[in-house]
């Protein structure tokens, strides 16, 4: 028989302290909760620790089907993403969709670090390659990284309704969570087919190689180097600003490329097209000099000034203080993108690639002065 003196009286505060504090429900966090109530019209009511409850509205659970919703059980645990934390005005707003998205990115990052294989569902096709869904994250498979078997199964169709239902094994090539960009390879994911895995050992940084454009996506062009595949990021296609890669290259086009980086562990090659072209800053001091009046075209407007293109692709900054003799609150009050205007060169820094221009110091420039002053037109 147990002696009553052996029992210790424990307060509620001590009991709560022994199990630790409930998870902090802050915006942007993923928290585990328990389903308390579900409704076809309102969504889910979820307990996320202690006395905290949150609502998952229907708009934040579009990734699950009606059947999956029906199968959710009261008392079941699930992970949710905090869209809005609890306040005096109402309960926390939670999201199943974003929680799945966060989980998907975590899986991709882990697989990239471990060079592991994962599966994704085919959801789309374009001339650059395939789109697959990996745990809520849309990933891109360049055409050169699609297996022959999959290419044969898909054929030439790019219509979503005509695509076969397929699960593809892939390996992660590149991730950029901030830009929501995931590039994967089915060829490397299919380790059973050794012919699909190409070696990049012979290629070294600094080489100039010949290749053929095998695919185009919104972020760059994929190049078949005749034994290896590389990517020219959109920023490396031209010294000029490029809105879409197909402005510069086309599928099937043969070209010379410069090898920027080679990552043998991840089987990834970064290429450049513009590094084989003369950069606009290289001979700028031979064309422009401080004090010179030039013709420029406004390319961008910001709160602190405006950027203007001179000498083709060179952009210079007209600081807001150099726009007008009178005070202006914002450059858009007197300028808009596309405006052509005369500007005075204030300074040139080739190393830092900075060009300072002035509009107000060129306001008196007129037709008569044009005949006596050297003008460099765009």
Protein backbone atom coordinates (compact mmCIF):
# COMPACT_ATOMS: atom_id res chain seq x y z
CA UNK A 1 0.00 0.00 0.00
CA UNK A 2 1.33 3.40 -0.98
CA UNK A 3 1.98 5.91 1.76
CA UNK A 4 0.00 9.10 1.26
CA UNK A 5 3.08 11.10 2.20
CA UNK A 6 4.79 9.79 -0.94
CA UNK A 7 2.41 11.79 -3.17
CA UNK A 8 3.39 15.32 -4.13
CA UNK A 9 0.79 17.95 -4.81
CA UNK A 10 1.51 19.59 -8.17
CA UNK A 11 -0.09 22.86 -9.26
CA UNK A 12 -1.62 23.40 -12.71
CA UNK A 13 1.16 25.88 -13.53
CA UNK A 14 3.79 23.24 -12.77
CA UNK A 15 1.98 20.70 -14.92
CA UNK A 16 1.90 23.08 -17.87
CA UNK A 17 5.56 23.92 -17.37
CA UNK A 18 6.48 20.22 -17.38
CA UNK A 19 5.11 19.68 -20.90
CA UNK A 20 6.72 22.85 -22.22
CA UNK A 21 5.18 25.92 -23.78
CA UNK A 22 2.79 25.59 -26.73
CA UNK A 23 4.27 26.38 -30.14
CA UNK A 24 4.49 30.08 -30.94
CA UNK A 25 1.86 30.88 -33.54
CA UNK A 26 3.57 33.45 -35.73
CA UNK A 27 3.00 34.40 -39.35
CA UNK A 28 5.19 32.39 -41.72
CA UNK A 29 5.62 29.39 -39.42
CA UNK A 30 4.49 25.83 -40.02
CA UNK A 31 2.73 24.37 -36.97
CA UNK A 32 1.18 21.02 -36.10
CA UNK A 33 -2.44 21.01 -35.06
CA UNK A 34 -5.47 18.83 -34.39
CA UNK A 35 -8.72 19.06 -36.36
CA UNK A 36 -11.55 20.18 -34.06
CA UNK A 37 -14.30 20.78 -36.60
CA UNK A 38 -14.82 20.64 -40.36
CA UNK A 39 -17.48 22.15 -42.56
CA UNK A 40 -18.04 22.14 -46.33
CA UNK A 41 -18.75 25.87 -46.32
CA UNK A 42 -16.29 27.21 -43.74
CA UNK A 43 -13.32 24.83 -43.88
CA UNK A 44 -11.48 23.52 -40.83
CA UNK A 45 -11.14 24.59 -37.21
CA UNK A 46 -7.74 23.49 -35.90
CA UNK A 47 -6.28 23.51 -32.39
CA UNK A 48 -2.62 24.49 -32.70
CA UNK A 49 -1.58 24.22 -29.05
CA UNK A 50 -2.93 25.33 -25.67
CA UNK A 51 -6.05 27.40 -26.11
CA UNK A 52 -5.03 28.60 -29.58
CA UNK A 53 -7.28 27.74 -32.49
CA UNK A 54 -7.01 28.65 -36.12
CA UNK A 55 -9.20 28.49 -39.19
CA UNK A 56 -8.24 26.89 -42.50
CA UNK A 57 -10.63 28.53 -45.01
CA UNK A 58 -11.53 26.68 -48.21
CA UNK A 59 -9.35 29.02 -50.29
CA UNK A 60 -6.30 27.76 -48.37
CA UNK A 61 -6.95 24.06 -49.00
CA UNK A 62 -7.35 23.91 -52.78
CA UNK A 63 -4.60 21.31 -53.07
CA UNK A 64 -6.82 18.59 -51.58
CA UNK A 65 -9.71 16.94 -53.41
CA UNK A 66 -13.31 16.67 -52.17
CA UNK A 67 -12.66 13.02 -51.37
CA UNK A 68 -9.57 13.88 -49.33
CA UNK A 69 -11.56 16.53 -47.47
CA UNK A 70 -14.25 13.97 -46.62
CA UNK A 71 -11.57 11.60 -45.32
CA UNK A 72 -10.21 14.15 -42.83
CA UNK A 73 -11.12 12.94 -39.35
CA UNK A 74 -11.92 15.00 -36.25
CA UNK A 75 -8.96 14.58 -33.90
CA UNK A 76 -6.50 13.89 -36.72
CA UNK A 77 -3.19 15.74 -36.72
CA UNK A 78 -2.05 17.87 -39.65
CA UNK A 79 0.52 20.54 -40.47
CA UNK A 80 -0.60 24.05 -41.38
CA UNK A 81 1.11 27.29 -42.35
CA UNK A 82 0.26 30.46 -40.39
CA UNK A 83 -1.01 33.07 -42.86
CA UNK A 84 -2.22 35.48 -40.16
CA UNK A 85 -1.60 35.10 -36.46
CA UNK A 86 -4.33 35.40 -33.85
CA UNK A 87 -5.31 38.91 -32.82
CA UNK A 88 -8.10 40.72 -31.01
CA UNK A 89 -10.01 40.92 -34.28
CA UNK A 90 -10.09 37.17 -34.84
CA UNK A 91 -8.52 33.70 -34.84
CA UNK A 92 -5.38 32.69 -36.72
CA UNK A 93 -5.77 32.05 -40.46
CA UNK A 94 -4.01 28.84 -41.47
CA UNK A 95 -3.19 27.23 -44.82
CA UNK A 96 -2.88 23.59 -45.85
CA UNK A 97 -1.71 24.58 -49.33
CA UNK A 98 1.24 26.64 -48.13
CA UNK A 99 2.20 24.01 -45.56
CA UNK A 100 2.39 21.45 -48.34
CA UNK A 101 4.44 23.91 -50.41
CA UNK A 102 6.91 24.44 -47.54
CA UNK A 103 7.19 20.70 -47.01
CA UNK A 104 7.87 20.25 -50.72
CA UNK A 105 10.73 22.76 -50.68
CA UNK A 106 12.23 21.06 -47.62
CA UNK A 107 12.12 17.71 -49.43
CA UNK A 108 13.79 19.21 -52.51
CA UNK A 109 16.53 20.84 -50.44
CA UNK A 110 17.20 17.60 -48.60
CA UNK A 111 17.35 15.61 -51.84
CA UNK A 112 19.73 18.16 -53.37
CA UNK A 113 22.06 17.90 -50.37
CA UNK A 114 21.94 14.10 -50.32
CA UNK A 115 21.78 13.66 -54.12
CA UNK A 116 18.70 11.53 -53.51
CA UNK A 117 15.92 10.63 -55.95
CA UNK A 118 12.29 11.72 -55.54
CA UNK A 119 9.06 11.41 -57.52
CA UNK A 120 6.91 14.02 -59.17
CA UNK A 121 3.67 13.98 -61.15
CA UNK A 122 3.71 15.20 -64.75
CA UNK A 123 1.50 18.30 -64.99
CA UNK A 124 2.63 20.15 -68.12
CA UNK A 125 4.78 20.32 -71.22
CA UNK A 126 6.32 23.08 -73.32
CA UNK A 127 9.04 23.45 -75.92
CA UNK A 128 11.66 23.80 -73.18
CA UNK A 129 10.78 20.64 -71.27
CA UNK A 130 8.32 19.23 -68.75
CA UNK A 131 6.63 20.53 -65.62
CA UNK A 132 6.09 18.21 -62.66
CA UNK A 133 4.51 18.60 -59.23
CA UNK A 134 6.75 17.51 -56.36
CA UNK A 135 4.87 17.70 -53.05
CA UNK A 136 3.20 20.97 -54.01
CA UNK A 137 6.22 22.55 -55.71
CA UNK A 138 6.24 22.99 -59.49
CA UNK A 139 9.59 21.83 -60.88
CA UNK A 140 10.98 22.02 -64.40
CA UNK A 141 12.71 19.23 -66.33
CA UNK A 142 14.76 20.61 -69.26
CA UNK A 143 14.12 18.73 -72.48
CA UNK A 144 17.73 17.50 -72.49
CA UNK A 145 17.13 15.91 -69.08
CA UNK A 146 13.98 14.00 -70.10
CA UNK A 147 14.52 10.28 -70.67
CA UNK A 148 13.98 8.74 -74.10
CA UNK A 149 11.22 6.55 -72.65
CA UNK A 150 9.28 9.58 -71.38
CA UNK A 151 9.76 11.52 -74.63
CA UNK A 152 8.35 8.53 -76.50
CA UNK A 153 5.36 8.25 -74.15
CA UNK A 154 4.49 11.94 -74.44
CA UNK A 155 5.11 12.37 -78.15
CA UNK A 156 4.74 15.86 -79.61
CA UNK A 157 1.71 16.94 -77.57
CA UNK A 158 1.86 20.07 -75.42
CA UNK A 159 -1.82 20.02 -74.50
CA UNK A 160 -2.39 19.37 -70.81
CA UNK A 161 -5.50 17.27 -71.40
CA UNK A 162 -3.58 15.00 -73.77
CA UNK A 163 -0.66 14.34 -71.44
CA UNK A 164 -0.47 10.85 -69.97
CA UNK A 165 -0.68 10.41 -66.20
CA UNK A 166 2.91 9.74 -65.17
CA UNK A 167 5.07 9.68 -62.05
CA UNK A 168 8.67 10.53 -62.88
CA UNK A 169 11.76 9.83 -60.79
CA UNK A 170 14.09 12.83 -60.75
CA UNK A 171 17.18 14.28 -59.12
CA UNK A 172 17.49 17.95 -58.21
CA UNK A 173 19.83 20.03 -60.38
CA UNK A 174 19.23 23.55 -59.08
CA UNK A 175 17.07 25.29 -56.47
CA UNK A 176 16.32 28.96 -55.86
CA UNK A 177 13.64 29.18 -53.21
CA UNK A 178 13.53 32.99 -53.29
CA UNK A 179 12.70 32.95 -57.00
CA UNK A 180 10.53 29.83 -56.64
CA UNK A 181 12.66 28.00 -59.19
CA UNK A 182 13.36 24.26 -59.13
CA UNK A 183 15.18 22.46 -61.95
CA UNK A 184 15.33 18.67 -61.89
CA UNK A 185 16.60 15.85 -64.11
CA UNK A 186 14.71 12.70 -64.98
CA UNK A 187 17.73 11.34 -66.81
CA UNK A 188 19.84 11.48 -63.65
CA UNK A 189 16.94 10.17 -61.59
CA UNK A 190 16.74 7.08 -63.76
CA UNK A 191 19.98 5.52 -62.49
CA UNK A 192 19.12 2.15 -64.03
CA UNK A 193 19.79 3.57 -67.48
CA UNK A 194 23.50 4.36 -67.43
CA UNK A 195 23.38 5.63 -71.01
CA UNK A 196 21.21 8.51 -69.87
CA UNK A 197 23.84 9.82 -67.44
CA UNK A 198 26.49 11.83 -69.23
CA UNK A 199 29.89 12.71 -67.85
CA UNK A 200 31.05 16.33 -67.68
CA UNK A 201 34.64 15.50 -66.69
CA UNK A 202 36.26 16.71 -69.96
CA UNK A 203 34.73 20.20 -69.63
CA UNK A 204 36.59 22.85 -67.64
CA UNK A 205 35.79 26.43 -66.68
CA UNK A 206 37.00 29.04 -69.14
CA UNK A 207 36.54 26.86 -72.22
CA UNK A 208 34.74 27.99 -75.36
CA UNK A 209 32.56 25.21 -76.77
CA UNK A 210 30.12 24.67 -79.59
CA UNK A 211 26.60 23.55 -78.71
CA UNK A 212 23.00 23.45 -79.85
CA UNK A 213 19.98 24.98 -78.09
CA UNK A 214 17.94 22.00 -76.91
CA UNK A 215 15.28 23.84 -74.90
CA UNK A 216 14.15 27.28 -73.74
CA UNK A 217 12.47 28.26 -70.48
CA UNK A 218 11.58 31.60 -68.92
CA UNK A 219 14.88 31.67 -67.01
CA UNK A 220 17.32 30.64 -69.73
CA UNK A 221 18.36 28.31 -72.54
CA UNK A 222 19.55 24.71 -72.30
CA UNK A 223 22.51 23.77 -74.48
CA UNK A 224 23.40 20.29 -75.75
CA UNK A 225 27.20 20.19 -75.83
CA UNK A 226 27.32 16.84 -77.60
CA UNK A 227 27.92 14.73 -74.52
CA UNK A 228 26.90 17.08 -71.72
CA UNK A 229 24.15 19.62 -71.10
CA UNK A 230 24.52 23.16 -69.83
CA UNK A 231 22.35 26.15 -68.96
CA UNK A 232 22.74 29.75 -70.12
CA UNK A 233 20.89 31.80 -67.52
CA UNK A 234 18.84 34.67 -68.99
CA UNK A 235 21.27 37.16 -67.41
CA UNK A 236 24.15 35.59 -69.39
CA UNK A 237 22.49 35.70 -72.80
CA UNK A 238 23.27 39.32 -73.66
CA UNK A 239 24.77 42.50 -72.25
CA UNK A 240 21.43 44.11 -73.11
CA UNK A 241 18.37 43.58 -70.96
CA UNK A 242 16.52 40.44 -72.10
CA UNK A 243 12.85 39.93 -71.27
CA UNK A 244 12.60 36.44 -72.74
CA UNK A 245 15.38 34.04 -73.87
CA UNK A 246 13.71 33.50 -77.25
CA UNK A 247 14.57 37.11 -78.09
CA UNK A 248 18.20 35.95 -78.37
CA UNK A 249 18.21 32.22 -79.18
CA UNK A 250 15.93 29.60 -80.71
CA UNK A 251 15.61 25.82 -80.33
CA UNK A 252 17.98 24.01 -82.68
CA UNK A 253 20.29 27.00 -83.07
CA UNK A 254 24.02 26.22 -83.04
CA UNK A 255 26.27 28.64 -81.19
CA UNK A 256 29.51 29.07 -79.27
CA UNK A 257 29.31 29.37 -75.50
CA UNK A 258 31.70 30.19 -72.68
CA UNK A 259 31.94 27.80 -69.70
CA UNK A 260 31.40 29.80 -66.50
CA UNK A 261 31.20 27.06 -63.86
CA UNK A 262 31.38 23.27 -63.73
CA UNK A 263 29.89 21.40 -60.78
CA UNK A 264 30.86 17.76 -61.25
CA UNK A 265 29.14 16.59 -58.06
CA UNK A 266 25.76 17.94 -59.18
CA UNK A 267 26.44 17.29 -62.88
CA UNK A 268 25.72 20.94 -63.71
CA UNK A 269 27.34 23.31 -66.20
CA UNK A 270 26.73 27.07 -66.24
CA UNK A 271 27.34 28.74 -69.59
CA UNK A 272 27.46 32.26 -70.98
CA UNK A 273 26.84 33.73 -74.41
CA UNK A 274 27.56 37.36 -73.59
CA UNK A 275 31.07 36.66 -72.24
CA UNK A 276 32.15 35.96 -75.83
CA UNK A 277 30.86 39.37 -76.91
CA UNK A 278 32.50 42.72 -76.32
CA UNK A 279 30.96 44.29 -73.23
CA UNK A 280 29.49 47.79 -73.59
CA UNK A 281 31.73 49.12 -70.79
CA UNK A 282 35.00 47.88 -72.28
CA UNK A 283 35.77 50.88 -74.49
CA UNK A 284 33.35 53.38 -72.97
CA UNK A 285 36.01 55.99 -72.09
CA UNK A 286 36.98 56.07 -75.77
CA UNK A 287 33.45 57.12 -76.65
CA UNK A 288 32.40 59.24 -73.66
CA UNK A 289 34.17 61.83 -71.54
CA UNK A 290 33.20 63.82 -68.45
CA UNK A 291 31.40 67.02 -69.43
CA UNK A 292 30.18 65.65 -72.73
CA UNK A 293 26.55 66.09 -73.84
CA UNK A 294 24.95 62.82 -74.97
CA UNK A 295 21.56 61.67 -76.13
CA UNK A 296 19.92 59.12 -73.83
CA UNK A 297 16.69 57.19 -73.48
CA UNK A 298 14.94 56.70 -70.13
CA UNK A 299 14.79 52.99 -69.28
CA UNK A 300 13.73 52.95 -65.63
CA UNK A 301 12.30 55.37 -63.08
CA UNK A 302 12.84 55.00 -59.32
CA UNK A 303 12.14 57.16 -56.27
CA UNK A 304 15.76 58.36 -56.21
CA UNK A 305 16.18 59.15 -59.89
CA UNK A 306 16.00 57.75 -63.40
CA UNK A 307 18.17 55.42 -65.46
CA UNK A 308 18.92 56.24 -69.05
CA UNK A 309 20.61 54.19 -71.78
CA UNK A 310 23.45 55.85 -73.69
CA UNK A 311 25.90 54.28 -76.09
CA UNK A 312 23.48 51.46 -76.78
CA UNK A 313 23.40 49.22 -73.72
CA UNK A 314 25.18 51.33 -71.07
CA UNK A 315 22.81 52.58 -68.38
CA UNK A 316 23.58 55.68 -66.36
CA UNK A 317 21.86 57.17 -63.35
CA UNK A 318 20.33 60.63 -63.33
CA UNK A 319 19.97 61.33 -59.62
CA UNK A 320 16.79 63.14 -58.65
CA UNK A 321 18.89 66.16 -57.67
CA UNK A 322 20.18 66.32 -61.28
CA UNK A 323 16.79 66.15 -62.97
CA UNK A 324 15.56 69.70 -62.63
CA UNK A 325 16.51 73.15 -61.32
CA UNK A 326 13.26 73.19 -59.35
CA UNK A 327 12.24 70.74 -56.59
CA UNK A 328 10.33 67.62 -57.66
CA UNK A 329 8.82 64.98 -55.37
CA UNK A 330 9.29 62.10 -57.79
CA UNK A 331 11.06 61.67 -61.17
CA UNK A 332 7.80 60.51 -62.75
CA UNK A 333 6.55 64.10 -62.42
CA UNK A 334 8.72 65.16 -65.36
CA UNK A 335 9.86 61.90 -67.01
CA UNK A 336 8.45 58.63 -68.27
CA UNK A 337 10.08 55.47 -69.62
CA UNK A 338 10.99 55.82 -73.28
CA UNK A 339 11.68 59.57 -73.17
CA UNK A 340 14.68 60.73 -75.20
CA UNK A 341 16.67 63.62 -73.76
CA UNK A 342 20.06 65.27 -73.76
CA UNK A 343 22.25 64.56 -70.73
CA UNK A 344 25.59 65.73 -69.41
CA UNK A 345 28.18 63.14 -68.33
CA UNK A 346 29.19 63.85 -64.72
CA UNK A 347 31.43 60.85 -63.97
CA UNK A 348 32.49 57.46 -65.37
CA UNK A 349 33.65 54.52 -63.24
CA UNK A 350 34.56 51.58 -65.49
CA UNK A 351 35.56 49.29 -62.62
CA UNK A 352 32.28 49.71 -60.73
CA UNK A 353 30.31 50.14 -63.97
CA UNK A 354 28.76 53.40 -62.84
CA UNK A 355 27.84 56.33 -65.04
CA UNK A 356 26.47 59.54 -63.51
CA UNK A 357 24.38 61.81 -65.73
CA UNK A 358 22.61 65.14 -65.38
CA UNK A 359 19.50 66.40 -67.11
CA UNK A 360 19.38 69.84 -65.52
CA UNK A 361 22.92 70.67 -66.66
CA UNK A 362 21.89 69.95 -70.26
CA UNK A 363 18.59 71.85 -70.24
CA UNK A 364 20.08 74.80 -72.15
CA UNK A 365 21.43 72.54 -74.88
CA UNK A 366 19.73 73.63 -78.14
CA UNK A 367 19.98 73.23 -81.89
CA UNK A 368 22.61 75.95 -82.33
CA UNK A 369 24.86 74.41 -79.68
CA UNK A 370 24.48 70.99 -81.32
CA UNK A 371 26.57 72.19 -84.24
CA UNK A 372 29.44 73.17 -81.92
CA UNK A 373 29.25 70.33 -79.39
CA UNK A 374 29.98 66.70 -80.04
CA UNK A 375 26.86 64.64 -79.52
CA UNK A 376 26.88 60.89 -79.13
CA UNK A 377 23.55 59.50 -80.25
CA UNK A 378 22.24 56.21 -78.96
